[in-house]
Protein backbone atom coordinates (compact mmCIF):
# COMPACT_ATOMS: atom_id res chain seq x y z
CA MET A 1 -0.01 0.05 0.00
CA ILE A 2 1.37 3.40 -0.96
CA MET A 3 0.94 5.81 2.05
CA LYS A 4 0.79 9.43 1.33
CA SER A 5 0.62 12.32 3.80
CA ASN A 6 -2.43 14.56 3.26
CA ALA A 7 -0.17 17.56 2.77
CA ILE A 8 3.02 19.05 3.94
CA LEU A 9 3.24 22.10 6.09
CA ARG A 10 5.67 24.48 4.55
CA ILE A 11 6.71 27.47 6.75
CA VAL A 12 7.94 30.41 4.71
CA PRO A 13 10.22 32.67 6.77
CA ALA A 14 8.67 35.80 7.97
CA ILE A 15 11.08 37.87 5.99
CA LEU A 16 9.19 36.50 3.07
CA ALA A 17 5.80 37.85 4.19
CA GLY A 18 5.25 35.24 6.92
CA VAL A 19 2.97 33.29 4.73
CA ILE A 20 2.12 29.76 5.57
CA ALA A 21 1.56 27.76 2.29
CA LEU A 22 -0.81 24.87 2.67
CA THR A 23 -1.44 22.03 0.32
CA GLY A 24 -3.85 19.11 0.51
CA CYS A 25 -7.49 18.88 0.94
CA SER A 26 -9.35 22.13 0.79
CA GLY A 27 -6.20 23.86 1.77
CA ASN A 28 -5.97 21.84 5.00
CA THR A 29 -2.74 20.34 6.10
CA SER A 30 -1.76 16.85 7.34
CA THR A 31 -0.38 15.56 10.56
CA SER A 32 1.59 12.80 9.06
CA SER A 33 4.71 13.17 6.92
CA GLU A 34 6.19 10.62 4.41
CA SER A 35 8.33 9.41 7.39
CA GLY A 36 5.28 9.06 9.63
CA GLU A 37 6.49 11.99 11.79
CA SER A 38 3.58 14.23 13.05
CA VAL A 39 3.28 17.83 11.97
CA ILE A 40 0.83 20.53 13.01
CA GLY A 41 -2.23 20.96 10.75
CA LYS A 42 -5.56 22.47 10.47
CA THR A 43 -8.48 20.35 11.77
CA VAL A 44 -10.60 18.93 9.05
CA ASN A 45 -14.13 17.80 10.05
CA LEU A 46 -15.96 15.05 8.04
CA THR A 47 -19.38 13.61 8.65
CA MET A 48 -20.26 10.16 7.88
CA SER A 49 -23.67 8.41 7.75
CA ALA A 50 -24.38 4.67 7.58
CA TRP A 51 -27.03 2.16 8.81
CA GLY A 52 -26.32 -0.79 11.18
CA ASN A 53 -26.91 -2.37 14.46
CA PRO A 54 -24.85 -1.41 17.45
CA ALA A 55 -22.40 -4.24 16.78
CA GLU A 56 -21.97 -3.26 13.15
CA LEU A 57 -21.43 0.49 14.18
CA LYS A 58 -18.52 -0.49 16.44
CA ILE A 59 -16.90 -2.26 13.45
CA TYR A 60 -17.41 1.01 11.29
CA GLN A 61 -15.81 2.95 14.15
CA LYS A 62 -12.74 0.75 13.82
CA GLY A 63 -12.23 1.87 10.33
CA ILE A 64 -12.69 5.54 11.30
CA ASP A 65 -10.23 5.20 14.25
CA ALA A 66 -7.57 3.58 12.03
CA TYR A 67 -7.73 6.59 9.62
CA THR A 68 -7.74 9.24 12.33
CA LYS A 69 -4.92 7.53 14.09
CA GLU A 70 -2.82 8.26 10.94
CA HIS A 71 -4.41 11.61 10.33
CA PRO A 72 -4.86 13.17 13.86
CA ASN A 73 -5.96 16.48 12.27
CA VAL A 74 -9.06 14.72 10.74
CA LYS A 75 -12.15 14.32 12.91
CA ILE A 76 -14.92 12.16 11.56
CA LYS A 77 -18.40 12.10 13.15
CA LEU A 78 -20.33 8.83 12.51
CA ILE A 79 -23.94 9.53 12.22
CA PRO A 80 -26.11 6.26 12.57
CA VAL A 81 -29.35 6.19 10.61
CA ALA A 82 -32.11 3.40 10.82
CA SER A 83 -31.94 1.09 7.83
CA ASP A 84 -35.70 1.68 7.28
CA GLY A 85 -36.03 4.94 5.48
CA TYR A 86 -32.25 5.33 5.06
CA GLU A 87 -32.43 5.80 1.36
CA GLN A 88 -35.23 8.33 1.42
CA LYS A 89 -33.40 10.46 4.05
CA LEU A 90 -30.25 10.32 2.15
CA LEU A 91 -31.99 11.41 -1.01
CA THR A 92 -33.74 14.34 0.89
CA GLN A 93 -30.38 15.41 2.42
CA LEU A 94 -28.68 15.42 -0.97
CA GLN A 95 -31.43 17.33 -2.56
CA GLY A 96 -31.43 19.91 0.26
CA GLY A 97 -27.67 20.35 0.11
CA ASN A 98 -27.14 19.08 3.76
CA ALA A 99 -26.03 15.63 3.21
CA PRO A 100 -22.86 14.17 5.07
CA ASP A 101 -19.46 14.32 3.33
CA VAL A 102 -19.40 10.55 3.05
CA PHE A 103 -22.08 7.94 3.35
CA TYR A 104 -23.02 4.28 2.84
CA VAL A 105 -25.01 3.69 -0.31
CA GLY A 106 -27.13 0.53 -0.84
CA ASP A 107 -26.77 -1.27 -4.18
CA ALA A 108 -30.25 -0.44 -5.31
CA THR A 109 -29.85 3.23 -4.32
CA MET A 110 -26.50 3.68 -6.22
CA VAL A 111 -28.02 3.76 -9.58
CA LYS A 112 -30.36 6.57 -8.51
CA LEU A 113 -27.58 8.74 -7.11
CA VAL A 114 -25.55 8.15 -10.21
CA GLN A 115 -28.42 9.23 -12.39
CA ASN A 116 -29.07 12.41 -10.37
CA GLY A 117 -25.40 13.35 -10.32
CA THR A 118 -24.97 13.79 -6.55
CA LEU A 119 -21.93 11.65 -6.09
CA ALA A 120 -18.32 12.65 -6.66
CA ASP A 121 -16.37 10.64 -9.29
CA LEU A 122 -13.52 8.85 -7.59
CA GLY A 123 -12.01 7.38 -10.81
CA GLU A 124 -9.37 10.10 -11.42
CA PHE A 125 -8.50 10.33 -7.67
CA MET A 126 -7.98 6.60 -7.46
CA LYS A 127 -5.25 6.80 -10.11
CA THR A 128 -3.15 9.16 -7.92
CA ASP A 129 -0.70 8.33 -5.01
CA ASN A 130 -3.10 10.09 -2.60
CA SER A 131 -5.57 7.13 -3.05
CA TYR A 132 -5.17 4.20 -0.61
CA ALA A 133 -6.85 1.77 -3.07
CA LYS A 134 -6.65 1.10 -6.84
CA PRO A 135 -9.61 -0.17 -8.94
CA ASP A 136 -7.83 -3.37 -9.99
CA GLU A 137 -7.58 -4.61 -6.43
CA TYR A 138 -11.27 -5.40 -6.35
CA ALA A 139 -13.23 -8.46 -7.73
CA ASP A 140 -14.73 -7.59 -11.13
CA GLY A 141 -18.19 -8.64 -10.17
CA LEU A 142 -18.39 -6.25 -7.22
CA TRP A 143 -18.68 -2.98 -8.77
CA GLY A 144 -22.46 -3.08 -9.74
CA ALA A 145 -23.83 0.28 -10.67
CA ALA A 146 -20.98 2.21 -9.03
CA LYS A 147 -18.61 1.86 -11.97
CA ASP A 148 -19.34 3.20 -15.42
CA GLY A 149 -16.14 2.94 -17.56
CA ASP A 150 -13.53 4.95 -15.84
CA LYS A 151 -15.90 6.63 -13.64
CA ILE A 152 -16.22 5.30 -10.09
CA TYR A 153 -18.91 6.56 -7.79
CA GLY A 154 -18.46 4.37 -4.72
CA ILE A 155 -16.13 1.60 -3.38
CA THR A 156 -17.33 -1.68 -2.06
CA MET A 157 -16.03 -1.32 1.52
CA ASP A 158 -16.55 -5.08 1.89
CA CYS A 159 -19.07 -7.64 0.73
CA SER A 160 -21.11 -10.58 2.03
CA PRO A 161 -21.49 -13.46 -0.47
CA LEU A 162 -24.59 -15.51 -0.31
CA VAL A 163 -24.05 -18.99 1.25
CA MET A 164 -26.21 -21.49 3.13
CA TYR A 165 -25.86 -22.09 6.89
CA TYR A 166 -26.86 -25.47 8.25
CA ASN A 167 -27.06 -26.72 11.69
CA LYS A 168 -24.59 -29.67 11.79
CA LYS A 169 -25.91 -31.01 15.18
CA MET A 170 -29.47 -31.06 13.95
CA PHE A 171 -28.43 -33.22 11.02
CA LYS A 172 -26.38 -35.47 13.25
CA ASP A 173 -29.10 -35.96 15.92
CA LEU A 174 -31.70 -36.72 13.13
CA GLY A 175 -29.33 -39.10 11.28
CA ILE A 176 -29.55 -37.01 8.14
CA LYS A 177 -26.62 -36.83 5.81
CA THR A 178 -25.09 -33.41 5.74
CA PRO A 179 -24.73 -30.96 2.87
CA GLN A 180 -20.97 -31.23 3.05
CA GLU A 181 -21.10 -34.90 2.89
CA TYR A 182 -23.14 -34.55 -0.43
CA PHE A 183 -20.65 -31.93 -1.69
CA ASP A 184 -17.53 -33.96 -0.92
CA GLU A 185 -19.19 -36.72 -3.16
CA GLY A 186 -19.90 -34.24 -5.83
CA LYS A 187 -23.55 -34.56 -5.27
CA TRP A 188 -24.65 -31.35 -3.60
CA ASN A 189 -27.36 -30.64 -6.13
CA TRP A 190 -31.15 -29.87 -6.38
CA ALA A 191 -31.93 -33.55 -5.75
CA ALA A 192 -29.84 -33.51 -2.52
CA PHE A 193 -31.45 -30.40 -1.44
CA ASP A 194 -34.88 -31.79 -2.14
CA GLU A 195 -33.99 -34.89 -0.16
CA VAL A 196 -32.54 -33.18 3.05
CA THR A 197 -35.34 -30.63 3.20
CA LYS A 198 -37.91 -33.48 3.00
CA LYS A 199 -36.10 -35.48 5.68
CA LEU A 200 -36.06 -32.33 7.94
CA LYS A 201 -39.64 -31.67 7.36
CA ASP A 202 -40.50 -35.31 8.11
CA ALA A 203 -38.62 -34.97 11.39
CA GLY A 204 -40.81 -32.04 12.50
CA LYS A 205 -38.41 -29.28 11.48
CA GLN A 206 -38.43 -26.65 8.80
CA GLY A 207 -36.18 -27.59 5.97
CA PHE A 208 -35.20 -24.22 4.61
CA ILE A 209 -36.38 -20.64 5.00
CA GLY A 210 -36.07 -18.62 1.79
CA GLU A 211 -36.41 -14.91 0.79
CA THR A 212 -37.51 -13.15 -2.34
CA TRP A 213 -34.12 -11.50 -3.09
CA THR A 214 -32.20 -14.88 -3.38
CA MET A 215 -34.18 -16.02 -6.39
CA GLU A 216 -31.55 -14.85 -8.82
CA THR A 217 -29.13 -17.31 -7.23
CA TRP A 218 -31.59 -20.08 -7.77
CA ILE A 219 -31.82 -19.19 -11.44
CA TRP A 220 -28.07 -19.19 -11.76
CA SER A 221 -27.65 -22.42 -9.93
CA ASN A 222 -29.66 -24.12 -12.77
CA GLY A 223 -27.55 -22.47 -15.33
CA GLY A 224 -30.39 -19.91 -16.16
CA LEU A 225 -30.28 -16.25 -16.82
CA SER A 226 -32.36 -13.17 -16.14
CA TYR A 227 -29.84 -11.12 -18.09
CA ASP A 228 -27.35 -11.91 -20.72
CA ASP A 229 -23.69 -10.78 -20.78
CA GLN A 230 -24.72 -7.43 -22.43
CA GLY A 231 -27.22 -6.77 -19.74
CA ASN A 232 -30.29 -7.61 -21.93
CA TYR A 233 -33.33 -8.99 -20.19
CA VAL A 234 -33.86 -12.57 -21.24
CA MET A 235 -35.71 -14.33 -18.39
CA ASP A 236 -38.94 -14.54 -20.14
CA GLN A 237 -37.35 -16.55 -22.90
CA ASN A 238 -34.99 -18.67 -20.59
CA GLN A 239 -36.28 -22.10 -19.81
CA LYS A 240 -33.62 -22.76 -17.12
CA ALA A 241 -34.85 -19.72 -15.26
CA HIS A 242 -38.43 -20.90 -15.52
CA GLU A 243 -37.36 -24.27 -14.09
CA ALA A 244 -35.54 -22.63 -11.20
CA ILE A 245 -38.56 -20.52 -10.09
CA GLN A 246 -40.83 -23.51 -10.51
CA PHE A 247 -38.41 -25.64 -8.36
CA VAL A 248 -38.50 -23.21 -5.38
CA ASN A 249 -42.34 -22.88 -5.62
CA ASP A 250 -42.73 -26.72 -5.69
CA LEU A 251 -40.65 -27.06 -2.56
CA ARG A 252 -42.80 -24.33 -0.87
CA GLU A 253 -45.97 -26.12 -2.00
CA LYS A 254 -44.56 -29.41 -0.42
CA GLY A 255 -43.88 -27.64 2.87
CA GLN A 256 -40.11 -28.34 2.55
CA ILE A 257 -39.22 -24.65 2.52
CA LYS A 258 -40.83 -21.76 4.17
CA TYR A 259 -41.03 -18.20 2.86
CA ALA A 260 -39.64 -15.79 5.38
CA GLY A 261 -42.25 -13.22 4.57
CA SER A 262 -44.96 -15.45 5.71
CA LEU A 263 -43.48 -16.02 9.15
CA PRO A 264 -45.37 -14.31 12.15
CA LYS A 265 -44.28 -10.87 13.14
CA GLY A 266 -41.11 -10.94 15.22
CA GLN A 267 -40.20 -14.51 14.02
CA GLY A 268 -37.42 -14.14 11.51
CA LEU A 269 -35.26 -16.79 9.91
CA ASP A 270 -32.36 -15.99 12.23
CA ALA A 271 -34.36 -16.62 15.41
CA MET A 272 -35.79 -19.83 14.08
CA PHE A 273 -32.20 -21.06 13.09
CA MET A 274 -30.96 -20.27 16.55
CA SER A 275 -33.91 -21.96 18.20
CA ASN A 276 -33.23 -25.18 16.24
CA GLN A 277 -36.55 -25.00 14.36
CA VAL A 278 -35.01 -24.92 10.87
CA GLY A 279 -31.99 -26.86 9.38
CA ILE A 280 -30.90 -24.53 6.60
CA VAL A 281 -31.12 -20.79 6.00
CA ALA A 282 -29.29 -18.49 3.46
CA ALA A 283 -27.51 -15.35 4.11
CA GLY A 284 -24.17 -13.63 3.88
CA ARG A 285 -21.61 -13.45 6.66
CA TRP A 286 -23.68 -10.85 8.43
CA LEU A 287 -25.38 -13.69 10.58
CA THR A 288 -22.11 -15.40 11.60
CA PRO A 289 -21.23 -13.37 14.73
CA MET A 290 -24.77 -13.89 16.16
CA PHE A 291 -25.06 -17.41 15.20
CA SER A 292 -21.68 -18.45 16.54
CA GLN A 293 -22.83 -17.19 19.95
CA ALA A 294 -25.83 -19.54 20.03
CA LYS A 295 -25.67 -22.42 22.54
CA ASN A 296 -26.42 -26.04 21.79
CA MET A 297 -25.77 -25.55 18.06
CA GLU A 298 -22.99 -26.50 15.60
CA LEU A 299 -23.17 -24.70 12.32
CA ASP A 300 -21.20 -24.64 9.14
CA TYR A 301 -21.34 -23.00 5.64
CA ILE A 302 -22.17 -24.84 2.42
CA TYR A 303 -22.10 -23.48 -1.07
CA TRP A 304 -25.39 -23.10 -2.90
CA PRO A 305 -26.60 -26.47 -4.50
CA SER A 306 -26.01 -26.69 -8.23
CA ASN A 307 -28.27 -28.34 -10.81
CA THR A 308 -25.60 -28.29 -13.56
CA ASN A 309 -22.39 -30.09 -14.17
CA ASN A 310 -20.57 -27.56 -12.12
CA LYS A 311 -20.13 -27.83 -8.42
CA MET A 312 -20.29 -24.13 -8.05
CA GLU A 313 -22.43 -21.62 -10.02
CA PRO A 314 -22.51 -17.83 -9.46
CA VAL A 315 -24.38 -16.52 -6.41
CA GLN A 316 -25.57 -13.07 -5.39
CA VAL A 317 -23.09 -10.86 -3.58
CA PRO A 318 -24.92 -8.47 -1.28
CA ILE A 319 -22.79 -5.25 -1.11
CA ALA A 320 -23.10 -1.59 -0.10
CA PHE A 321 -20.93 1.20 -1.27
CA PHE A 322 -19.07 4.08 0.44
CA ALA A 323 -19.26 7.27 -1.56
CA VAL A 324 -18.42 10.97 -1.40
CA ASN A 325 -20.93 13.82 -1.59
CA LYS A 326 -20.24 15.81 -4.58
CA LYS A 327 -20.94 18.97 -2.77
CA SER A 328 -18.55 18.18 0.20
CA LYS A 329 -16.46 21.18 1.17
CA GLU A 330 -13.62 18.73 2.02
CA GLN A 331 -13.77 16.79 -1.13
CA GLU A 332 -10.11 15.53 -1.28
CA GLU A 333 -9.95 14.61 2.38
CA ALA A 334 -13.29 12.76 2.07
CA MET A 335 -11.81 10.73 -1.05
CA LYS A 336 -8.77 9.86 0.98
CA PHE A 337 -10.86 8.60 3.76
CA VAL A 338 -13.17 6.63 1.50
CA THR A 339 -10.37 4.90 -0.30
CA PHE A 340 -8.76 4.19 3.00
CA TYR A 341 -11.80 2.75 4.41
CA GLY A 342 -12.14 0.26 1.47
CA SER A 343 -8.48 -0.43 1.18
CA LYS A 344 -6.53 -3.43 2.45
CA GLU A 345 -5.49 -1.40 5.49
CA GLY A 346 -9.05 -0.23 6.26
CA GLN A 347 -10.68 -3.54 5.63
CA LYS A 348 -8.17 -5.22 7.84
CA ALA A 349 -8.91 -2.77 10.66
CA ARG A 350 -12.65 -3.46 10.31
CA LEU A 351 -12.90 -7.01 9.45
CA ALA A 352 -10.32 -8.99 11.54
CA GLY A 353 -11.85 -11.63 13.87
CA ASN A 354 -15.35 -13.05 13.81
CA SER A 355 -16.58 -10.51 11.57
CA SER A 356 -19.90 -9.82 9.68
CA ALA A 357 -18.55 -9.39 6.09
CA VAL A 358 -15.83 -10.61 3.68
CA PRO A 359 -13.00 -8.35 2.18
CA SER A 360 -13.91 -6.95 -1.29
CA VAL A 361 -10.27 -6.09 -1.92
CA ASN A 362 -7.74 -8.70 -2.92
CA GLY A 363 -4.74 -9.76 -0.83
CA ILE A 364 -6.24 -10.13 2.71
CA ASP A 365 -8.28 -13.17 2.38
CA ASP A 366 -6.54 -14.64 5.52
CA ILE A 367 -8.93 -12.42 7.44
CA VAL A 368 -11.61 -14.93 6.57
CA THR A 369 -9.54 -18.30 6.39
CA SER A 370 -7.87 -17.56 9.81
CA ASP A 371 -11.21 -17.34 11.52
CA LYS A 372 -11.89 -20.71 12.68
CA THR A 373 -15.42 -20.00 14.17
CA ILE A 374 -17.03 -21.88 11.37
CA GLU A 375 -15.15 -24.59 9.42
CA HIS A 376 -15.79 -24.08 5.69
CA SER A 377 -15.09 -20.33 5.46
CA GLN A 378 -13.47 -20.90 2.14
CA TYR A 379 -16.97 -21.07 0.55
CA LEU A 380 -17.39 -17.25 1.29
CA LEU A 381 -14.40 -16.58 -0.84
CA ASP A 382 -15.41 -18.96 -3.59
CA ALA A 383 -18.78 -17.25 -3.58
CA ARG A 384 -17.07 -13.79 -3.80
CA GLU A 385 -14.96 -14.68 -6.82
CA LYS A 386 -17.78 -16.50 -8.73
CA GLY A 387 -20.69 -14.08 -7.79
CA TYR A 388 -22.15 -10.83 -8.98
CA ALA A 389 -23.28 -7.75 -7.15
CA ASN A 390 -26.64 -6.17 -8.12
CA GLY A 391 -25.93 -3.87 -10.97
CA SER A 392 -23.44 -6.15 -12.74
CA LEU A 393 -24.41 -7.15 -16.33
CA LYS A 394 -25.75 -10.60 -15.42
CA TYR A 395 -27.61 -8.99 -12.52
CA PHE A 396 -28.57 -5.85 -14.36
CA LYS A 397 -31.86 -4.87 -12.72
CA GLY A 398 -29.71 -2.92 -10.13
CA ARG A 399 -28.92 -0.39 -12.85
CA ILE A 400 -32.63 0.29 -13.40
CA PRO A 401 -34.16 2.54 -10.70
CA GLY A 402 -36.88 0.84 -8.84
CA LEU A 403 -36.78 -2.43 -10.61
CA SER A 404 -35.34 -4.64 -7.89
CA GLU A 405 -38.20 -3.58 -5.65
CA ARG A 406 -40.68 -4.42 -8.31
CA VAL A 407 -39.35 -7.88 -9.00
CA ASN A 408 -39.23 -8.71 -5.22
CA GLU A 409 -42.98 -7.70 -5.11
CA GLN A 410 -43.69 -10.30 -7.66
CA TYR A 411 -41.81 -13.02 -6.01
CA ASP A 412 -43.47 -12.13 -2.81
CA LEU A 413 -46.83 -12.85 -4.31
CA LEU A 414 -45.46 -16.15 -5.68
CA LEU A 415 -44.08 -17.43 -2.38
CA LEU A 416 -47.17 -16.26 -0.51
CA GLY A 417 -49.12 -18.58 -2.90
CA LYS A 418 -51.08 -15.71 -4.37
CA GLN A 419 -50.00 -16.27 -7.91
CA ASP A 420 -48.40 -19.03 -10.09
CA VAL A 421 -45.05 -18.98 -11.85
CA ASP A 422 -46.11 -18.13 -15.30
CA THR A 423 -48.05 -15.11 -13.83
CA THR A 424 -44.94 -14.06 -11.92
CA ILE A 425 -42.65 -14.17 -14.84
CA ASN A 426 -45.08 -12.37 -16.97
CA ASN A 427 -45.48 -9.59 -14.53
CA ILE A 428 -41.74 -9.27 -14.03
CA THR A 429 -41.36 -8.99 -17.74
CA VAL A 430 -43.95 -6.26 -17.86
CA GLU A 431 -42.30 -4.41 -14.98
CA THR A 432 -38.84 -4.73 -16.44
CA ASN A 433 -39.80 -3.67 -19.92
CA LYS A 434 -41.73 -0.57 -18.53
CA LEU A 435 -38.89 0.56 -16.21
CA THR A 436 -36.21 -0.16 -18.79
CA LYS A 437 -38.14 2.10 -21.33
CA GLU A 438 -38.28 4.84 -18.72
CA ARG A 439 -34.59 4.57 -17.93
CA GLU A 440 -33.74 4.94 -21.64
CA THR A 441 -36.09 7.83 -22.14
CA ASN A 442 -34.52 9.65 -19.12
CA LYS A 443 -30.89 9.19 -20.24
């Protein structure tokens, strides 16, 4: 990592007018030189907004503390915002000109902010020595809507690839072959998933709890597509996609999987897993810290079951971006902080230990593999390398404002048993064509 000081304080003799020449962010000076020695500088104040529970906020603060330790003249105030309504609040703040200097951006929100021109372009800055991270350090599938050619509007500060969690103790106690045993035999496929969820159901447990947003991974696991390599919508003509949606709906009708949206209020998939009511759930690494604290339970990761000749097909990679307000008065310092936060150094500071995410930057995978809390952590890294973030070409709906929400509404109706597969696909096609046309018109 190339470390650069924010600026250098140059003191010009009083005989030459006693002027102090300042370089760096918005005329502010640094407190760290190339040699790491401290120098006196003007205080730079940044504000940062993010969503997250108390445990996550502590992780964010680690990244802030690591940066301000190197840059004592920089003060960063973290402003927590509830996840519900976060997007609307951010959009309102940006429109009103009172948004924070830097902020988290959800994958579905990114396309809206790119479209309305409220984010600073980090592309040119990341080519300079002042940037702590370079674009080629990140997995290609993780840029989503944040990267458009050489323009970069946000950095994936980490990621959380989709895997399945399963309760090893439950499988052992019930005498059911584990997903890992199937995987080792090269047979962790849809047939095996059907078999184990049926056995779990027959034993009085829930086999699997699913969510609408994971449907894309089911489609990919069958070799199907919603979008081709050019970002064109093809799901309505793709038989493999139809088969995948039908497979999930069939399992629901047989009672082998339960839709999370149909659970009683306050009874989420995480609580059901921790109370030994369900054998398998799907999520990113964000559930690991909580699950690993549960008593009387052994858990492990397993890759998504495939219905092709490949043991591993692409999965969805939930991400959020870290972006800079285009109207920030501390533009360069904000860019330095954002690139630090998403750099190797910044991600190490935040993600070491039993963390809730996976590095999005290359070169620090040992953060995941050295954590022995759960045995098969390598699946998280495999999923990151093979997967796609919302907004990638094969997951293109994230580049069309509002489409992700519309699609999930249709899957919600399907998994609640309120409409069939053909109606669901037809409605998704109608919504996709409509919003795609609107997007093209507004360009």
